[in-house]
Amino acid sequence: MTFNNQTIIITNKNEIKVTELVKLNSFNEQEFNLTTSAGTILIIGNHLEMDNIDQNANELKIKGNIKKIVLDPSKEAEKKKKEKNFIKKIFK
């Protein structure tokens, strides 16, 4: 499998197309977790649904109310953990 440049196209905050898809890890109507040639992407929103997946072109199109795109979910999780620990320290 050969990959070129990854592209993420967002249209009017209600449609997103991602190229260079390697694996669709998980999805529901609030979150899509994808692995691409450039790493993991987390797409967060409401009423998200898979509009089209083209396995030959390694492309995925999602429709719904897109709220947030996290390009490195592991860093996002680490940040939330630090914020929780900070709040716990304040209220001790």
Protein backbone atom coordinates (compact mmCIF):
# COMPACT_ATOMS: atom_id res chain seq x y z
CA MET A 1 0.00 0.00 0.00
CA THR A 2 1.55 3.28 -1.12
CA PHE A 3 0.43 6.60 0.33
CA ASN A 4 0.90 10.13 -0.95
CA ASN A 5 -0.11 13.27 0.92
CA GLN A 6 -2.97 13.13 3.38
CA THR A 7 -5.85 15.53 2.86
CA ILE A 8 -8.59 16.53 5.29
CA ILE A 9 -11.37 18.61 3.74
CA ILE A 10 -14.11 20.13 5.91
CA THR A 11 -17.18 21.60 4.21
CA ASN A 12 -19.48 23.91 6.21
CA LYS A 13 -18.72 22.07 9.47
CA ASN A 14 -21.11 19.30 8.43
CA GLU A 15 -19.00 17.17 6.11
CA ILE A 16 -15.43 15.93 6.30
CA LYS A 17 -13.41 13.90 3.82
CA VAL A 18 -10.21 12.18 4.95
CA THR A 19 -7.74 10.56 2.57
CA GLU A 20 -4.96 8.07 3.29
CA LEU A 21 -7.25 6.01 5.55
CA VAL A 22 -5.53 2.92 6.94
CA LYS A 23 -8.12 1.73 9.46
CA LEU A 24 -11.45 2.83 10.90
CA ASN A 25 -10.86 1.95 14.57
CA SER A 26 -14.29 2.78 15.97
CA PHE A 27 -17.24 5.05 15.40
CA ASN A 28 -20.61 6.11 16.72
CA GLU A 29 -22.77 9.19 16.22
CA GLN A 30 -20.53 11.30 18.51
CA GLU A 31 -17.03 10.13 17.59
CA PHE A 32 -15.00 8.60 14.77
CA ASN A 33 -11.52 7.21 15.58
CA LEU A 34 -9.37 6.65 12.47
CA THR A 35 -5.84 5.60 11.71
CA THR A 36 -4.35 7.27 8.64
CA SER A 37 -0.94 7.28 7.04
CA ALA A 38 -0.15 10.38 9.15
CA GLY A 39 -1.36 8.93 12.47
CA THR A 40 -4.56 8.74 14.50
CA ILE A 41 -7.41 11.23 14.06
CA LEU A 42 -10.39 11.67 16.35
CA ILE A 43 -13.44 13.43 14.90
CA ILE A 44 -15.96 14.58 17.50
CA GLY A 45 -19.45 15.92 16.89
CA ASN A 46 -23.17 15.19 16.90
CA HIS A 47 -25.23 13.02 14.57
CA LEU A 48 -22.08 11.80 12.79
CA GLU A 49 -22.57 9.13 10.17
CA MET A 50 -20.41 7.49 7.55
CA ASP A 51 -21.44 8.90 4.20
CA ASN A 52 -18.98 6.99 2.03
CA ILE A 53 -15.95 4.78 2.46
CA ASP A 54 -13.84 4.01 -0.60
CA GLN A 55 -11.42 1.23 0.27
CA ASN A 56 -9.74 1.36 -3.14
CA ALA A 57 -8.92 5.06 -2.78
CA ASN A 58 -8.45 4.85 1.03
CA GLU A 59 -10.94 7.68 1.58
CA LEU A 60 -13.67 8.25 4.14
CA LYS A 61 -16.45 10.83 4.08
CA ILE A 62 -18.40 11.64 7.25
CA LYS A 63 -21.51 13.80 7.56
CA GLY A 64 -22.93 15.38 10.71
CA ASN A 65 -22.32 18.29 13.04
CA ILE A 66 -18.51 18.37 13.34
CA LYS A 67 -17.37 20.01 16.58
CA LYS A 68 -13.72 19.06 16.95
CA ILE A 69 -10.88 17.29 15.18
CA VAL A 70 -8.01 15.94 17.27
CA LEU A 71 -4.93 15.04 15.26
CA ASP A 72 -3.12 13.38 18.16
CA PRO A 73 -5.69 11.88 20.57
CA SER A 74 -3.03 10.55 22.95
CA LYS A 75 -1.88 14.12 23.70
CA GLU A 76 -5.50 15.22 24.21
CA ALA A 77 -6.09 12.43 26.74
CA GLU A 78 -2.86 13.32 28.55
CA LYS A 79 -3.93 16.99 28.74
CA LYS A 80 -7.33 16.08 30.23
CA LYS A 81 -5.65 13.85 32.82
CA LYS A 82 -3.35 16.72 33.88
CA GLU A 83 -6.32 19.08 34.15
CA LYS A 84 -8.19 16.61 36.40
CA ASN A 85 -5.12 16.16 38.61
CA PHE A 86 -4.77 19.94 38.92
CA ILE A 87 -8.40 20.31 39.98
CA LYS A 88 -8.00 17.49 42.55
CA LYS A 89 -4.96 19.28 44.03
CA ILE A 90 -6.91 22.54 44.37
CA PHE A 91 -9.78 20.93 46.26
CA LYS A 92 -7.69 18.82 48.68
